[in-house]
């Protein structure tokens, strides 16, 4: 997990589900809009490929 400040760390923890068995992405990019929109404020999310490479088919990276 990587973050740039305490606000970023708190923002990430609020996105984790409270129950087990719910799939979450291997990586996410979030910004200040996540404070108001939750997961709707994500800037990107996805999963790595089998060799830990960027996989366009199972990842999304955009800008709100």
Protein backbone atom coordinates (compact mmCIF):
# COMPACT_ATOMS: atom_id res chain seq x y z
CA UNK A 1 0.00 0.00 0.00
CA UNK A 2 1.30 3.44 -0.85
CA UNK A 3 -0.05 6.85 0.03
CA UNK A 4 1.26 10.39 0.11
CA UNK A 5 -0.12 11.66 3.42
CA UNK A 6 -2.36 10.72 6.36
CA UNK A 7 -5.47 11.87 4.47
CA UNK A 8 -4.60 9.48 1.63
CA UNK A 9 -4.18 6.57 4.05
CA UNK A 10 -7.54 7.29 5.70
CA UNK A 11 -9.21 7.61 2.28
CA UNK A 12 -7.92 4.17 1.25
CA UNK A 13 -9.05 2.48 4.48
CA UNK A 14 -12.59 3.84 4.07
CA UNK A 15 -12.84 2.04 0.71
CA UNK A 16 -12.14 -1.43 2.15
CA UNK A 17 -15.24 -3.58 2.66
CA UNK A 18 -16.22 -4.48 6.21
CA UNK A 19 -17.13 -8.07 5.29
CA UNK A 20 -14.95 -10.86 3.98
CA UNK A 21 -15.49 -12.50 0.62
CA UNK A 22 -15.90 -9.24 -1.28
CA UNK A 23 -13.41 -8.85 -4.11
CA UNK A 24 -11.35 -5.67 -4.16
CA UNK A 25 -8.86 -4.53 -6.83
CA UNK A 26 -5.15 -5.22 -6.37
CA UNK A 27 -4.41 -1.55 -6.95
CA UNK A 28 -6.40 1.69 -6.84
CA UNK A 29 -5.69 5.37 -7.46
CA UNK A 30 -7.84 7.76 -5.49
CA UNK A 31 -8.13 11.51 -5.11
CA UNK A 32 -10.01 14.04 -2.98
CA UNK A 33 -13.35 13.27 -4.69
CA UNK A 34 -13.33 9.87 -2.96
CA UNK A 35 -14.09 11.70 0.30
CA UNK A 36 -17.52 12.63 -1.05
CA UNK A 37 -18.15 9.92 -3.63
CA UNK A 38 -16.50 6.85 -2.08
CA UNK A 39 -15.62 4.34 -4.80
CA UNK A 40 -17.21 6.72 -7.32
CA UNK A 41 -14.24 9.04 -6.78
CA UNK A 42 -11.62 6.53 -7.92
CA UNK A 43 -9.21 7.63 -10.62
CA UNK A 44 -8.22 4.08 -11.51
CA UNK A 45 -8.37 0.48 -10.33
CA UNK A 46 -7.56 -2.98 -11.51
CA UNK A 47 -5.56 -6.16 -11.35
CA UNK A 48 -2.06 -7.01 -12.52
CA UNK A 49 -1.43 -9.63 -15.20
CA UNK A 50 0.11 -13.06 -14.51
CA UNK A 51 3.65 -11.66 -14.71
CA UNK A 52 2.78 -8.51 -12.71
CA UNK A 53 2.48 -6.44 -15.87
CA UNK A 54 -0.13 -3.80 -16.72
CA UNK A 55 -3.17 -5.57 -18.13
CA UNK A 56 -5.50 -3.27 -20.03
CA UNK A 57 -8.30 -5.88 -20.09
CA UNK A 58 -8.71 -6.00 -16.32
CA UNK A 59 -7.68 -2.48 -15.31
CA UNK A 60 -9.11 0.98 -15.72
CA UNK A 61 -7.29 4.29 -15.46
CA UNK A 62 -9.15 7.52 -16.10
CA UNK A 63 -9.58 10.96 -14.71
CA UNK A 64 -12.68 12.44 -13.02
